[in-house]
């Protein structure tokens, strides 16, 4: 929606403005992304955790 877009835009602008306050640029950028995520609509974030991929391990030692 237009309101959500405006909110994300404002968070980005304020995050860019406050970037000099962060100890590192990466930390400031990450905080801005976390703010955006915290204001995301609930239906935009999956509620069920994603199951990890099953990995099949081969046995490196052959049994006689």
PDB file of N, CA and C in Angstrom:
ATOM      1  N   UNK A   1       0.834  -1.183   0.000  1.00  0.00           N
ATOM      2  CA  UNK A   1       0.000   0.000   0.000  1.00  0.00           C
ATOM      3  C   UNK A   1       0.882   1.251   0.000  1.00  0.00           C
ATOM      4  N   UNK A   2       0.282   2.361  -0.266  1.00  0.00           N
ATOM      5  CA  UNK A   2       1.015   3.631  -0.315  1.00  0.00           C
ATOM      6  C   UNK A   2       1.552   4.009   1.062  1.00  0.00           C
ATOM      7  N   UNK A   3       0.781   3.708   2.108  1.00  0.00           N
ATOM      8  CA  UNK A   3       1.230   4.036   3.463  1.00  0.00           C
ATOM      9  C   UNK A   3       2.458   3.215   3.847  1.00  0.00           C
ATOM     10  N   UNK A   4       2.432   1.937   3.499  1.00  0.00           N
ATOM     11  CA  UNK A   4       3.565   1.061   3.812  1.00  0.00           C
ATOM     12  C   UNK A   4       4.817   1.511   3.051  1.00  0.00           C
ATOM     13  N   UNK A   5       4.634   1.874   1.797  1.00  0.00           N
ATOM     14  CA  UNK A   5       5.761   2.355   1.003  1.00  0.00           C
ATOM     15  C   UNK A   5       6.345   3.637   1.590  1.00  0.00           C
ATOM     16  N   UNK A   6       5.480   4.533   2.017  1.00  0.00           N
ATOM     17  CA  UNK A   6       5.939   5.788   2.624  1.00  0.00           C
ATOM     18  C   UNK A   6       6.703   5.517   3.919  1.00  0.00           C
ATOM     19  N   UNK A   7       6.208   4.580   4.721  1.00  0.00           N
ATOM     20  CA  UNK A   7       6.876   4.238   5.975  1.00  0.00           C
ATOM     21  C   UNK A   7       8.266   3.661   5.717  1.00  0.00           C
ATOM     22  N   UNK A   8       8.368   2.733   4.770  1.00  0.00           N
ATOM     23  CA  UNK A   8       9.667   2.143   4.457  1.00  0.00           C
ATOM     24  C   UNK A   8      10.631   3.183   3.891  1.00  0.00           C
ATOM     25  N   UNK A   9      10.106   4.083   3.082  1.00  0.00           N
ATOM     26  CA  UNK A   9      10.934   5.153   2.527  1.00  0.00           C
ATOM     27  C   UNK A   9      11.463   6.045   3.648  1.00  0.00           C
ATOM     28  N   UNK A  10      10.606   6.386   4.576  1.00  0.00           N
ATOM     29  CA  UNK A  10      11.030   7.242   5.688  1.00  0.00           C
ATOM     30  C   UNK A  10      12.066   6.539   6.564  1.00  0.00           C
ATOM     31  N   UNK A  11      11.878   5.248   6.809  1.00  0.00           N
ATOM     32  CA  UNK A  11      12.861   4.494   7.592  1.00  0.00           C
ATOM     33  C   UNK A  11      14.207   4.491   6.872  1.00  0.00           C
ATOM     34  N   UNK A  12      14.191   4.327   5.545  1.00  0.00           N
ATOM     35  CA  UNK A  12      15.434   4.327   4.771  1.00  0.00           C
ATOM     36  C   UNK A  12      16.121   5.688   4.834  1.00  0.00           C
ATOM     37  N   UNK A  13      15.347   6.751   4.691  1.00  0.00           N
ATOM     38  CA  UNK A  13      15.920   8.095   4.728  1.00  0.00           C
ATOM     39  C   UNK A  13      16.511   8.397   6.108  1.00  0.00           C
ATOM     40  N   UNK A  14      15.778   8.055   7.158  1.00  0.00           N
ATOM     41  CA  UNK A  14      16.290   8.301   8.514  1.00  0.00           C
ATOM     42  C   UNK A  14      17.491   7.407   8.827  1.00  0.00           C
ATOM     43  N   UNK A  15      17.466   6.173   8.318  1.00  0.00           N
ATOM     44  CA  UNK A  15      18.605   5.281   8.514  1.00  0.00           C
ATOM     45  C   UNK A  15      19.853   5.815   7.841  1.00  0.00           C
ATOM     46  N   UNK A  16      19.678   6.368   6.645  1.00  0.00           N
ATOM     47  CA  UNK A  16      20.819   6.963   5.940  1.00  0.00           C
ATOM     48  C   UNK A  16      21.333   8.194   6.689  1.00  0.00           C
ATOM     49  N   UNK A  17      20.408   8.973   7.214  1.00  0.00           N
ATOM     50  CA  UNK A  17      20.799  10.170   7.957  1.00  0.00           C
ATOM     51  C   UNK A  17      21.589   9.803   9.210  1.00  0.00           C
ATOM     52  N   UNK A  18      21.171   8.738   9.893  1.00  0.00           N
ATOM     53  CA  UNK A  18      21.786   8.348  11.162  1.00  0.00           C
ATOM     54  C   UNK A  18      22.937   7.365  10.998  1.00  0.00           C
ATOM     55  N   UNK A  19      23.343   7.098   9.778  1.00  0.00           N
ATOM     56  CA  UNK A  19      24.392   6.114   9.526  1.00  0.00           C
ATOM     57  C   UNK A  19      25.701   6.474  10.221  1.00  0.00           C
ATOM     58  N   UNK A  20      25.986   7.741  10.352  1.00  0.00           N
ATOM     59  CA  UNK A  20      27.243   8.160  10.983  1.00  0.00           C
ATOM     60  C   UNK A  20      27.265   7.847  12.480  1.00  0.00           C
ATOM     61  N   UNK A  21      26.111   7.596  13.083  1.00  0.00           N
ATOM     62  CA  UNK A  21      26.057   7.289  14.512  1.00  0.00           C
ATOM     63  C   UNK A  21      26.458   5.848  14.817  1.00  0.00           C
ATOM     64  N   UNK A  22      26.385   4.990  13.817  1.00  0.00           N
ATOM     65  CA  UNK A  22      26.700   3.576  14.015  1.00  0.00           C
ATOM     66  C   UNK A  22      28.214   3.384  14.096  1.00  0.00           C
ATOM     67  N   UNK A  23      28.655   2.380  14.850  1.00  0.00           N
ATOM     68  CA  UNK A  23      30.096   2.133  14.946  1.00  0.00           C
ATOM     69  C   UNK A  23      30.705   1.697  13.610  1.00  0.00           C
ATOM     70  N   UNK A  24      29.911   0.998  12.796  1.00  0.00           N
ATOM     71  CA  UNK A  24      30.337   0.571  11.464  1.00  0.00           C
ATOM     72  C   UNK A  24      29.189   0.801  10.500  1.00  0.00           C
ATOM     73  N   UNK A  25      29.515   0.982   9.234  1.00  0.00           N
ATOM     74  CA  UNK A  25      28.479   1.192   8.231  1.00  0.00           C
ATOM     75  C   UNK A  25      27.555  -0.017   8.134  1.00  0.00           C
ATOM     76  N   UNK A  26      28.140  -1.201   8.215  1.00  0.00           N
ATOM     77  CA  UNK A  26      27.352  -2.430   8.119  1.00  0.00           C
ATOM     78  C   UNK A  26      26.341  -2.527   9.262  1.00  0.00           C
ATOM     79  N   UNK A  27      26.753  -2.165  10.458  1.00  0.00           N
ATOM     80  CA  UNK A  27      25.854  -2.216  11.613  1.00  0.00           C
ATOM     81  C   UNK A  27      24.694  -1.241  11.440  1.00  0.00           C
ATOM     82  N   UNK A  28      24.980  -0.048  10.942  1.00  0.00           N
ATOM     83  CA  UNK A  28      23.920   0.926  10.705  1.00  0.00           C
ATOM     84  C   UNK A  28      22.950   0.464   9.638  1.00  0.00           C
ATOM     85  N   UNK A  29      23.483  -0.130   8.585  1.00  0.00           N
ATOM     86  CA  UNK A  29      22.637  -0.658   7.512  1.00  0.00           C
ATOM     87  C   UNK A  29      21.761  -1.793   8.027  1.00  0.00           C
ATOM     88  N   UNK A  30      22.351  -2.680   8.830  1.00  0.00           N
ATOM     89  CA  UNK A  30      21.596  -3.795   9.395  1.00  0.00           C
ATOM     90  C   UNK A  30      20.481  -3.301  10.309  1.00  0.00           C
ATOM     91  N   UNK A  31      20.760  -2.300  11.110  1.00  0.00           N
ATOM     92  CA  UNK A  31      19.724  -1.744  11.990  1.00  0.00           C
ATOM     93  C   UNK A  31      18.578  -1.149  11.178  1.00  0.00           C
ATOM     94  N   UNK A  32      18.896  -0.495  10.073  1.00  0.00           N
ATOM     95  CA  UNK A  32      17.850   0.061   9.216  1.00  0.00           C
ATOM     96  C   UNK A  32      16.984  -1.054   8.643  1.00  0.00           C
ATOM     97  N   UNK A  33      17.610  -2.139   8.196  1.00  0.00           N
ATOM     98  CA  UNK A  33      16.838  -3.268   7.669  1.00  0.00           C
ATOM     99  C   UNK A  33      15.979  -3.912   8.754  1.00  0.00           C
ATOM    100  N   UNK A  34      16.504  -3.995   9.973  1.00  0.00           N
ATOM    101  CA  UNK A  34      15.718  -4.560  11.072  1.00  0.00           C
ATOM    102  C   UNK A  34      14.520  -3.677  11.412  1.00  0.00           C
ATOM    103  N   UNK A  35      14.696  -2.374  11.329  1.00  0.00           N
ATOM    104  CA  UNK A  35      13.559  -1.471  11.542  1.00  0.00           C
ATOM    105  C   UNK A  35      12.498  -1.691  10.477  1.00  0.00           C
ATOM    106  N   UNK A  36      12.941  -1.838   9.227  1.00  0.00           N
ATOM    107  CA  UNK A  36      11.985  -2.090   8.141  1.00  0.00           C
ATOM    108  C   UNK A  36      11.237  -3.396   8.378  1.00  0.00           C
ATOM    109  N   UNK A  37      11.961  -4.408   8.810  1.00  0.00           N
ATOM    110  CA  UNK A  37      11.339  -5.704   9.059  1.00  0.00           C
ATOM    111  C   UNK A  37      10.354  -5.635  10.218  1.00  0.00           C
ATOM    112  N   UNK A  38      10.667  -4.852  11.241  1.00  0.00           N
ATOM    113  CA  UNK A  38       9.769  -4.760  12.393  1.00  0.00           C
ATOM    114  C   UNK A  38       8.465  -4.048  12.045  1.00  0.00           C
ATOM    115  N   UNK A  39       8.475  -3.215  11.023  1.00  0.00           N
ATOM    116  CA  UNK A  39       7.262  -2.529  10.603  1.00  0.00           C
ATOM    117  C   UNK A  39       6.588  -3.205   9.416  1.00  0.00           C
ATOM    118  N   UNK A  40       7.058  -4.370   9.026  1.00  0.00           N
ATOM    119  CA  UNK A  40       6.448  -5.089   7.903  1.00  0.00           C
ATOM    120  C   UNK A  40       5.081  -5.614   8.325  1.00  0.00           C
ATOM    121  N   UNK A  41       4.117  -5.661   7.409  1.00  0.00           N
ATOM    122  CA  UNK A  41       2.811  -6.230   7.735  1.00  0.00           C
ATOM    123  C   UNK A  41       2.957  -7.699   8.131  1.00  0.00           C
ATOM    124  N   UNK A  42       2.094  -8.160   8.998  1.00  0.00           N
ATOM    125  CA  UNK A  42       2.190  -9.528   9.497  1.00  0.00           C
ATOM    126  C   UNK A  42       2.048 -10.570   8.394  1.00  0.00           C
ATOM    127  N   UNK A  43       1.261 -10.282   7.364  1.00  0.00           N
ATOM    128  CA  UNK A  43       1.090 -11.265   6.300  1.00  0.00           C
ATOM    129  C   UNK A  43       2.301 -11.327   5.368  1.00  0.00           C
ATOM    130  N   UNK A  44       3.237 -10.393   5.486  1.00  0.00           N
ATOM    131  CA  UNK A  44       4.434 -10.397   4.648  1.00  0.00           C
ATOM    132  C   UNK A  44       5.516 -11.309   5.216  1.00  0.00           C
ATOM    133  N   UNK A  45       5.407 -11.654   6.496  1.00  0.00           N
ATOM    134  CA  UNK A  45       6.398 -12.501   7.151  1.00  0.00           C
ATOM    135  C   UNK A  45       5.784 -13.883   7.346  1.00  0.00           C
ATOM    136  N   UNK A  46       6.427 -14.944   6.844  1.00  0.00           N
ATOM    137  CA  UNK A  46       5.857 -16.282   7.021  1.00  0.00           C
ATOM    138  C   UNK A  46       5.776 -16.651   8.499  1.00  0.00           C
ATOM    139  N   UNK A  47       4.635 -17.206   8.901  1.00  0.00           N
ATOM    140  CA  UNK A  47       4.450 -17.534  10.311  1.00  0.00           C
ATOM    141  C   UNK A  47       5.019 -18.904  10.660  1.00  0.00           C
ATOM    142  N   UNK A  48       5.076 -19.804   9.677  1.00  0.00           N
ATOM    143  CA  UNK A  48       5.624 -21.126   9.936  1.00  0.00           C
ATOM    144  C   UNK A  48       7.119 -21.120   9.656  1.00  0.00           C
ATOM    145  N   UNK A  49       7.899 -21.738  10.535  1.00  0.00           N
ATOM    146  CA  UNK A  49       9.330 -21.810  10.246  1.00  0.00           C
ATOM    147  C   UNK A  49       9.582 -22.707   9.034  1.00  0.00           C
ATOM    148  N   UNK A  50      10.590 -22.376   8.299  1.00  0.00           N
ATOM    149  CA  UNK A  50      10.940 -23.155   7.120  1.00  0.00           C
ATOM    150  C   UNK A  50      11.765 -24.346   7.571  1.00  0.00           C
ATOM    151  N   UNK A  51      11.368 -25.529   7.122  1.00  0.00           N
ATOM    152  CA  UNK A  51      12.063 -26.747   7.515  1.00  0.00           C
ATOM    153  C   UNK A  51      13.429 -26.802   6.840  1.00  0.00           C
ATOM    154  N   UNK A  52      14.441 -27.235   7.575  1.00  0.00           N
ATOM    155  CA  UNK A  52      15.771 -27.349   6.959  1.00  0.00           C
ATOM    156  C   UNK A  52      15.791 -28.473   5.935  1.00  0.00           C
ATOM    157  N   UNK A  53      16.681 -28.358   4.983  1.00  0.00           N
ATOM    158  CA  UNK A  53      16.823 -29.399   3.977  1.00  0.00           C
ATOM    159  C   UNK A  53      17.421 -30.640   4.613  1.00  0.00           C
ATOM    160  N   UNK A  54      16.918 -31.792   4.195  1.00  0.00           N
ATOM    161  CA  UNK A  54      17.467 -33.043   4.707  1.00  0.00           C
ATOM    162  C   UNK A  54      18.710 -33.385   3.903  1.00  0.00           C
ATOM    163  N   UNK A  55      19.768 -33.666   4.605  1.00  0.00           N
ATOM    164  CA  UNK A  55      21.017 -34.038   3.950  1.00  0.00           C
ATOM    165  C   UNK A  55      21.269 -35.513   4.208  1.00  0.00           C
ATOM    166  N   UNK A  56      21.580 -36.212   3.144  1.00  0.00           N
ATOM    167  CA  UNK A  56      21.928 -37.618   3.291  1.00  0.00           C
ATOM    168  C   UNK A  56      23.443 -37.719   3.293  1.00  0.00           C
ATOM    169  N   UNK A  57      23.951 -38.351   4.317  1.00  0.00           N
ATOM    170  CA  UNK A  57      25.386 -38.498   4.447  1.00  0.00           C
ATOM    171  C   UNK A  57      25.788 -39.886   3.979  1.00  0.00           C
ATOM    172  N   UNK A  58      26.810 -39.939   3.170  1.00  0.00           N
ATOM    173  CA  UNK A  58      27.317 -41.241   2.745  1.00  0.00           C
ATOM    174  C   UNK A  58      28.335 -41.710   3.775  1.00  0.00           C
ATOM    175  N   UNK A  59      28.408 -42.995   3.936  1.00  0.00           N
ATOM    176  CA  UNK A  59      29.331 -43.582   4.893  1.00  0.00           C
ATOM    177  C   UNK A  59      30.693 -43.709   4.222  1.00  0.00           C
ATOM    178  N   UNK A  60      31.689 -42.938   4.670  1.00  0.00           N
ATOM    179  CA  UNK A  60      32.995 -43.004   4.015  1.00  0.00           C
ATOM    180  C   UNK A  60      33.741 -44.308   4.290  1.00  0.00           C
ATOM    181  N   UNK A  61      33.341 -45.044   5.313  1.00  0.00           N
ATOM    182  CA  UNK A  61      34.004 -46.300   5.652  1.00  0.00           C
ATOM    183  C   UNK A  61      33.117 -47.439   5.178  1.00  0.00           C
ATOM    184  N   UNK A  62      33.623 -48.215   4.257  1.00  0.00           N
ATOM    185  CA  UNK A  62      32.854 -49.344   3.724  1.00  0.00           C
ATOM    186  C   UNK A  62      32.945 -50.513   4.694  1.00  0.00           C
ATOM    187  N   UNK A  63      31.796 -51.127   4.924  1.00  0.00           N
ATOM    188  CA  UNK A  63      31.772 -52.295   5.807  1.00  0.00           C
ATOM    189  C   UNK A  63      31.953 -53.547   4.959  1.00  0.00           C
ATOM    190  N   UNK A  64      32.736 -54.538   5.462  1.00  0.00           N
ATOM    191  CA  UNK A  64      32.953 -55.770   4.679  1.00  0.00           C
ATOM    192  C   UNK A  64      31.736 -56.651   4.625  1.00  0.00           C
TER     193      UNK A  64
END
